[in-house]
Amino acid sequence: MSTVSGLPAHVLFVHFIVVLAPLTAILLVLCSMWPAARRRLAWLTLVLAAVTAVLTPLTTDAGEWLERHVARSVAVHTHTELGDTMIYFSVALLLAALAVGAVQLRERKSDPSRPLTLIVAFLAIVVAVGTIVQIYRIGESGSRATWGDSVTSNSAQ
């Protein structure tokens, strides 16, 4: 899919990723560290991680289509290269959400081992922080590719 109602699909899809990836990352940390949140939100977090993992390649494919239809620049190339890395973060979110889900299932049957819970929490924190940082880096590079230095902060007169 290259366009939606005449707009580049990338411009639309990217908004889903910009919201879902950090939201999923935050929920992942919450679920990994707080048993009450894990009982209530583990499966929602897993679904959001799966949706993010599915939308990421759609977004990057639409971005690559858009790249072929805009002027070439270093900023656009940088954004495209950074965007291509997002699939790794999306898959990591999904795997970490699966691990949190496994802890939740184990809690239902018995008391999970403390080391396992700590390892999953550490993994979730690392993946979440990495994902949020990468979303920022990709978004910032996309803003530079789109706007460059064309926006100024003129004072109201």
C-alpha atoms as a PDB file:
ATOM      1  CA  MET A   1       0.000   0.000   0.000  1.00  0.00           C
ATOM      2  CA  SER A   2       1.596   3.230  -1.124  1.00  0.00           C
ATOM      3  CA  THR A   3      -1.105   5.863  -0.585  1.00  0.00           C
ATOM      4  CA  VAL A   4      -4.308   6.253   1.406  1.00  0.00           C
ATOM      5  CA  SER A   5      -6.752   8.861   0.110  1.00  0.00           C
ATOM      6  CA  GLY A   6      -3.902  10.465  -1.800  1.00  0.00           C
ATOM      7  CA  LEU A   7      -1.580  10.728   1.215  1.00  0.00           C
ATOM      8  CA  PRO A   8       1.570   8.627   1.497  1.00  0.00           C
ATOM      9  CA  ALA A   9       0.675   5.582   3.629  1.00  0.00           C
ATOM     10  CA  HIS A  10       3.918   5.980   5.583  1.00  0.00           C
ATOM     11  CA  VAL A  11       2.724   9.292   7.008  1.00  0.00           C
ATOM     12  CA  LEU A  12      -0.373   7.545   8.389  1.00  0.00           C
ATOM     13  CA  PHE A  13       1.228   4.275   9.546  1.00  0.00           C
ATOM     14  CA  VAL A  14       4.050   6.031  11.354  1.00  0.00           C
ATOM     15  CA  HIS A  15       1.571   7.571  13.789  1.00  0.00           C
ATOM     16  CA  PHE A  16       0.470   4.101  14.897  1.00  0.00           C
ATOM     17  CA  ILE A  17       4.068   3.065  15.548  1.00  0.00           C
ATOM     18  CA  VAL A  18       4.934   6.308  17.330  1.00  0.00           C
ATOM     19  CA  VAL A  19       2.058   5.714  19.762  1.00  0.00           C
ATOM     20  CA  LEU A  20       1.975   1.906  20.030  1.00  0.00           C
ATOM     21  CA  ALA A  21       5.670   1.145  20.457  1.00  0.00           C
ATOM     22  CA  PRO A  22       6.268   3.439  23.471  1.00  0.00           C
ATOM     23  CA  LEU A  23       2.876   2.536  24.988  1.00  0.00           C
ATOM     24  CA  THR A  24       3.689  -1.156  24.655  1.00  0.00           C
ATOM     25  CA  ALA A  25       7.159  -0.567  26.095  1.00  0.00           C
ATOM     26  CA  ILE A  26       5.747   1.214  29.145  1.00  0.00           C
ATOM     27  CA  LEU A  27       3.108  -1.473  29.692  1.00  0.00           C
ATOM     28  CA  LEU A  28       5.802  -4.116  29.333  1.00  0.00           C
ATOM     29  CA  VAL A  29       7.875  -2.599  32.129  1.00  0.00           C
ATOM     30  CA  LEU A  30       4.791  -2.168  34.295  1.00  0.00           C
ATOM     31  CA  CYS A  31       3.723  -5.781  33.780  1.00  0.00           C
ATOM     32  CA  SER A  32       7.195  -7.149  34.350  1.00  0.00           C
ATOM     33  CA  MET A  33       7.638  -5.373  37.682  1.00  0.00           C
ATOM     34  CA  TRP A  34       4.175  -5.290  39.222  1.00  0.00           C
ATOM     35  CA  PRO A  35       2.239  -8.575  39.640  1.00  0.00           C
ATOM     36  CA  ALA A  36      -1.171  -6.851  39.861  1.00  0.00           C
ATOM     37  CA  ALA A  37      -0.541  -5.074  36.551  1.00  0.00           C
ATOM     38  CA  ARG A  38       0.741  -8.323  35.044  1.00  0.00           C
ATOM     39  CA  ARG A  39      -2.510 -10.107  35.995  1.00  0.00           C
ATOM     40  CA  ARG A  40      -4.601  -7.370  34.360  1.00  0.00           C
ATOM     41  CA  LEU A  41      -2.468  -6.167  31.446  1.00  0.00           C
ATOM     42  CA  ALA A  42      -0.114  -8.959  30.319  1.00  0.00           C
ATOM     43  CA  TRP A  43      -2.364 -10.149  27.517  1.00  0.00           C
ATOM     44  CA  LEU A  44      -3.204  -6.628  26.324  1.00  0.00           C
ATOM     45  CA  THR A  45       0.523  -5.891  26.241  1.00  0.00           C
ATOM     46  CA  LEU A  46       1.119  -9.040  24.197  1.00  0.00           C
ATOM     47  CA  VAL A  47      -1.588  -8.057  21.699  1.00  0.00           C
ATOM     48  CA  LEU A  48      -0.170  -4.531  21.378  1.00  0.00           C
ATOM     49  CA  ALA A  49       3.325  -5.958  20.866  1.00  0.00           C
ATOM     50  CA  ALA A  50       1.997  -8.256  18.134  1.00  0.00           C
ATOM     51  CA  VAL A  51       0.182  -5.365  16.415  1.00  0.00           C
ATOM     52  CA  THR A  52       3.360  -3.273  16.601  1.00  0.00           C
ATOM     53  CA  ALA A  53       5.380  -6.128  15.102  1.00  0.00           C
ATOM     54  CA  VAL A  54       2.901  -6.432  12.217  1.00  0.00           C
ATOM     55  CA  LEU A  55       2.647  -2.685  11.573  1.00  0.00           C
ATOM     56  CA  THR A  56       6.403  -2.083  11.620  1.00  0.00           C
ATOM     57  CA  PRO A  57       7.212  -3.731   8.267  1.00  0.00           C
ATOM     58  CA  LEU A  58       4.117  -2.148   6.721  1.00  0.00           C
ATOM     59  CA  THR A  59       5.362   1.242   7.885  1.00  0.00           C
ATOM     60  CA  THR A  60       8.924   0.719   6.679  1.00  0.00           C
ATOM     61  CA  ASP A  61       7.740  -0.641   3.317  1.00  0.00           C
ATOM     62  CA  ALA A  62       5.529   2.416   2.885  1.00  0.00           C
ATOM     63  CA  GLY A  63       8.510   4.561   3.900  1.00  0.00           C
ATOM     64  CA  GLU A  64      10.705   2.963   1.268  1.00  0.00           C
ATOM     65  CA  TRP A  65       8.018   3.655  -1.335  1.00  0.00           C
ATOM     66  CA  LEU A  66       7.932   7.277  -0.166  1.00  0.00           C
ATOM     67  CA  GLU A  67      11.730   7.499  -0.288  1.00  0.00           C
ATOM     68  CA  ARG A  68      11.591   6.656  -4.003  1.00  0.00           C
ATOM     69  CA  HIS A  69       9.117   9.514  -4.531  1.00  0.00           C
ATOM     70  CA  VAL A  70      10.895  12.360  -2.751  1.00  0.00           C
ATOM     71  CA  ALA A  71      14.133  14.192  -3.437  1.00  0.00           C
ATOM     72  CA  ARG A  72      17.211  12.238  -2.354  1.00  0.00           C
ATOM     73  CA  SER A  73      19.093  13.639   0.589  1.00  0.00           C
ATOM     74  CA  VAL A  74      21.384  12.511   3.355  1.00  0.00           C
ATOM     75  CA  ALA A  75      18.610  13.203   5.881  1.00  0.00           C
ATOM     76  CA  VAL A  76      16.109  10.997   4.039  1.00  0.00           C
ATOM     77  CA  HIS A  77      18.700   8.230   3.702  1.00  0.00           C
ATOM     78  CA  THR A  78      19.550   8.448   7.415  1.00  0.00           C
ATOM     79  CA  HIS A  79      15.870   8.261   8.349  1.00  0.00           C
ATOM     80  CA  THR A  80      15.316   5.270   6.092  1.00  0.00           C
ATOM     81  CA  GLU A  81      18.309   3.431   7.534  1.00  0.00           C
ATOM     82  CA  LEU A  82      17.192   4.101  11.115  1.00  0.00           C
ATOM     83  CA  GLY A  83      13.615   3.137  10.261  1.00  0.00           C
ATOM     84  CA  ASP A  84      14.808  -0.212   8.926  1.00  0.00           C
ATOM     85  CA  THR A  85      16.141  -1.045  12.414  1.00  0.00           C
ATOM     86  CA  MET A  86      12.708  -0.720  14.036  1.00  0.00           C
ATOM     87  CA  ILE A  87      11.745  -4.287  13.150  1.00  0.00           C
ATOM     88  CA  TYR A  88      14.395  -5.558  15.575  1.00  0.00           C
ATOM     89  CA  PHE A  89      12.929  -3.478  18.382  1.00  0.00           C
ATOM     90  CA  SER A  90       9.375  -4.532  17.517  1.00  0.00           C
ATOM     91  CA  VAL A  91      10.341  -8.208  17.550  1.00  0.00           C
ATOM     92  CA  ALA A  92      12.207  -7.696  20.838  1.00  0.00           C
ATOM     93  CA  LEU A  93       9.051  -6.112  22.312  1.00  0.00           C
ATOM     94  CA  LEU A  94       7.032  -9.097  21.157  1.00  0.00           C
ATOM     95  CA  LEU A  95       9.507 -11.602  22.616  1.00  0.00           C
ATOM     96  CA  ALA A  96       9.659  -9.730  25.916  1.00  0.00           C
ATOM     97  CA  ALA A  97       5.845  -9.584  26.035  1.00  0.00           C
ATOM     98  CA  LEU A  98       5.775 -13.357  25.445  1.00  0.00           C
ATOM     99  CA  ALA A  99       8.185 -13.780  28.355  1.00  0.00           C
ATOM    100  CA  VAL A 100       5.956 -11.648  30.599  1.00  0.00           C
ATOM    101  CA  GLY A 101       2.977 -13.724  29.451  1.00  0.00           C
ATOM    102  CA  ALA A 102       4.879 -16.894  30.372  1.00  0.00           C
ATOM    103  CA  VAL A 103       5.540 -15.494  33.851  1.00  0.00           C
ATOM    104  CA  GLN A 104       1.829 -14.692  34.139  1.00  0.00           C
ATOM    105  CA  LEU A 105       0.867 -18.257  33.155  1.00  0.00           C
ATOM    106  CA  ARG A 106       3.358 -19.651  35.630  1.00  0.00           C
ATOM    107  CA  GLU A 107       1.933 -17.410  38.375  1.00  0.00           C
ATOM    108  CA  ARG A 108      -1.532 -18.860  37.735  1.00  0.00           C
ATOM    109  CA  LYS A 109      -0.267 -22.419  38.293  1.00  0.00           C
ATOM    110  CA  SER A 110       2.309 -21.822  40.988  1.00  0.00           C
ATOM    111  CA  ASP A 111       4.645 -19.236  42.399  1.00  0.00           C
ATOM    112  CA  PRO A 112       7.217 -18.402  39.688  1.00  0.00           C
ATOM    113  CA  SER A 113      10.852 -18.490  40.595  1.00  0.00           C
ATOM    114  CA  ARG A 114      12.170 -15.134  41.758  1.00  0.00           C
ATOM    115  CA  PRO A 115      15.251 -15.270  39.480  1.00  0.00           C
ATOM    116  CA  LEU A 116      13.041 -15.892  36.427  1.00  0.00           C
ATOM    117  CA  THR A 117      10.826 -12.932  37.284  1.00  0.00           C
ATOM    118  CA  LEU A 118      13.867 -10.690  37.796  1.00  0.00           C
ATOM    119  CA  ILE A 119      15.449 -11.787  34.516  1.00  0.00           C
ATOM    120  CA  VAL A 120      12.206 -11.094  32.634  1.00  0.00           C
ATOM    121  CA  ALA A 121      11.871  -7.698  34.323  1.00  0.00           C
ATOM    122  CA  PHE A 122      15.467  -6.793  33.430  1.00  0.00           C
ATOM    123  CA  LEU A 123      14.895  -7.916  29.829  1.00  0.00           C
ATOM    124  CA  ALA A 124      11.663  -5.913  29.651  1.00  0.00           C
ATOM    125  CA  ILE A 125      13.349  -2.752  30.946  1.00  0.00           C
ATOM    126  CA  VAL A 126      16.257  -3.036  28.496  1.00  0.00           C
ATOM    127  CA  VAL A 127      13.931  -3.684  25.542  1.00  0.00           C
ATOM    128  CA  ALA A 128      11.538  -0.895  26.573  1.00  0.00           C
ATOM    129  CA  VAL A 129      14.250   1.718  27.010  1.00  0.00           C
ATOM    130  CA  GLY A 130      15.907   0.689  23.750  1.00  0.00           C
ATOM    131  CA  THR A 131      12.589   0.856  21.895  1.00  0.00           C
ATOM    132  CA  ILE A 132      11.673   4.294  23.228  1.00  0.00           C
ATOM    133  CA  VAL A 133      15.137   5.666  22.440  1.00  0.00           C
ATOM    134  CA  GLN A 134      15.013   4.215  18.924  1.00  0.00           C
ATOM    135  CA  ILE A 135      11.519   5.594  18.286  1.00  0.00           C
ATOM    136  CA  TYR A 136      12.849   9.010  19.286  1.00  0.00           C
ATOM    137  CA  ARG A 137      15.902   8.673  17.016  1.00  0.00           C
ATOM    138  CA  ILE A 138      13.828   7.537  14.042  1.00  0.00           C
ATOM    139  CA  GLY A 139      11.208  10.241  14.587  1.00  0.00           C
ATOM    140  CA  GLU A 140      13.790  12.966  15.018  1.00  0.00           C
ATOM    141  CA  SER A 141      15.550  11.926  11.813  1.00  0.00           C
ATOM    142  CA  GLY A 142      12.202  11.841  10.007  1.00  0.00           C
ATOM    143  CA  SER A 143      11.417  15.344  11.205  1.00  0.00           C
ATOM    144  CA  ARG A 144      14.802  16.561   9.975  1.00  0.00           C
ATOM    145  CA  ALA A 145      14.266  14.814   6.625  1.00  0.00           C
ATOM    146  CA  THR A 146      10.847  16.433   6.266  1.00  0.00           C
ATOM    147  CA  TRP A 147      11.399  19.862   7.734  1.00  0.00           C
ATOM    148  CA  GLY A 148      15.156  20.346   7.805  1.00  0.00           C
ATOM    149  CA  ASP A 149      15.851  23.819   9.084  1.00  0.00           C
ATOM    150  CA  SER A 150      12.807  25.394   7.434  1.00  0.00           C
ATOM    151  CA  VAL A 151      10.970  26.011  10.701  1.00  0.00           C
ATOM    152  CA  THR A 152      12.218  28.939  12.760  1.00  0.00           C
ATOM    153  CA  SER A 153      11.244  30.231  16.140  1.00  0.00           C
ATOM    154  CA  ASN A 154      10.353  33.822  15.317  1.00  0.00           C
ATOM    155  CA  SER A 155       8.999  35.813  18.231  1.00  0.00           C
ATOM    156  CA  ALA A 156       5.471  37.158  17.937  1.00  0.00           C
ATOM    157  CA  GLN A 157       5.677  40.859  17.190  1.00  0.00           C
END
